[in-house]
Protein backbone atom coordinates (compact mmCIF):
# COMPACT_ATOMS: atom_id res chain seq x y z
CA MET A 1 7.06 0.39 -12.92
CA THR A 2 8.78 -2.82 -11.82
CA THR A 3 12.15 -1.12 -11.42
CA GLN A 4 10.61 1.48 -9.15
CA ILE A 5 9.08 -1.23 -6.96
CA ALA A 6 12.55 -2.77 -6.79
CA ASP A 7 13.78 0.57 -5.44
CA LEU A 8 11.80 -0.03 -2.24
CA ASP A 9 13.92 -1.82 0.32
CA SER A 10 12.60 -4.83 2.17
CA GLY A 11 12.16 -2.72 5.32
CA SER A 12 9.85 -0.30 3.51
CA LYS A 13 7.89 -3.18 2.00
CA ALA A 14 7.53 -4.80 5.42
CA GLN A 15 6.40 -1.49 6.92
CA ILE A 16 3.81 -1.02 4.15
CA LYS A 17 2.52 -4.57 4.61
CA GLU A 18 2.27 -4.00 8.37
CA ILE A 19 0.24 -0.80 7.82
CA VAL A 20 -2.11 -2.52 5.38
CA CYS A 21 -2.57 -5.56 7.63
CA ASP A 22 -3.27 -3.32 10.61
CA ILE A 23 -5.90 -1.27 8.79
CA LEU A 24 -7.54 -4.26 7.10
CA GLU A 25 -7.32 -6.28 10.34
CA LEU A 26 -5.47 -9.15 8.68
CA GLU A 27 -2.68 -11.45 9.74
CA PRO A 28 0.45 -10.96 7.58
CA GLU A 29 0.16 -14.48 6.15
CA GLU A 30 -3.36 -13.67 4.90
CA LEU A 31 -2.10 -10.87 2.66
CA THR A 32 -0.07 -11.58 -0.47
CA GLU A 33 1.41 -9.02 -2.85
CA THR A 34 -1.37 -9.72 -5.34
CA SER A 35 -4.40 -10.42 -3.15
CA LEU A 36 -7.06 -7.80 -3.82
CA PHE A 37 -8.01 -5.61 -0.86
CA LYS A 38 -11.66 -5.14 -1.82
CA GLU A 39 -12.51 -8.45 -3.47
CA GLU A 40 -10.53 -10.82 -1.24
CA HIS A 41 -10.30 -8.90 2.04
CA ASP A 42 -13.60 -6.94 2.09
CA ALA A 43 -11.89 -3.55 2.30
CA ASP A 44 -14.15 -0.58 1.66
CA SER A 45 -13.06 2.76 0.20
CA LEU A 46 -12.69 4.30 3.67
CA ARG A 47 -10.07 1.70 4.58
CA THR A 48 -8.18 2.42 1.38
CA ILE A 49 -8.16 6.12 2.30
CA GLU A 50 -6.89 5.17 5.77
CA ILE A 51 -4.05 3.22 4.13
CA LEU A 52 -3.18 6.25 1.98
CA ALA A 53 -3.17 8.56 5.01
CA ALA A 54 -1.06 6.15 7.06
CA LEU A 55 1.48 5.87 4.23
CA GLU A 56 1.68 9.66 4.00
CA ARG A 57 2.33 9.94 7.74
CA THR A 58 4.80 7.07 7.91
CA PHE A 59 6.85 7.93 4.83
CA GLY A 60 6.42 11.73 4.85
CA LEU A 61 4.84 11.68 1.39
CA THR A 62 1.98 13.45 -0.30
CA LEU A 63 -0.13 10.99 -2.27
CA GLU A 64 -2.91 12.05 -4.61
CA GLN A 65 -6.33 10.51 -4.00
CA ALA A 66 -6.30 9.61 -7.70
CA GLU A 67 -3.68 6.98 -6.78
CA LEU A 68 -6.34 5.09 -4.79
CA SER A 69 -7.49 3.41 -8.00
CA ARG A 70 -4.04 1.76 -8.30
CA MET A 71 -3.89 0.73 -4.64
CA VAL A 72 -5.88 -2.48 -5.07
CA ASN A 73 -3.18 -4.80 -3.69
CA LEU A 74 0.27 -4.62 -2.10
CA THR A 75 2.01 -4.47 -5.48
CA GLY A 76 -0.02 -1.39 -6.38
CA VAL A 77 0.73 0.24 -3.03
CA TYR A 78 4.46 -0.48 -3.42
CA ALA A 79 4.40 1.16 -6.87
CA VAL A 80 2.58 4.27 -5.64
CA VAL A 81 4.98 4.72 -2.69
CA ALA A 82 8.07 4.05 -4.85
CA GLU A 83 6.96 6.61 -7.43
CA ALA A 84 6.15 9.20 -4.75
CA GLU A 85 9.57 8.68 -3.13
CA GLY A 86 11.24 9.07 -6.52
CA LYS A 87 9.76 12.53 -7.09
């Protein structure tokens, strides 16, 4: 999984972080790659679905809702997007 995350360029990572910060109403410095959306940033499941939908629109991907369980922090989101782009 780590190599696939490495396949994402810094521009894609920045774009993903911007999407997540926008939806969770956070400043970029408040969100780290490992901070948990639900536990540390009070994100509910609807916001996670919004993140998934925004990623699909932005990157032209189709992401399964089953991937939501992995999208608990930025690292998880990076992995899901990298794997979807690799398909």
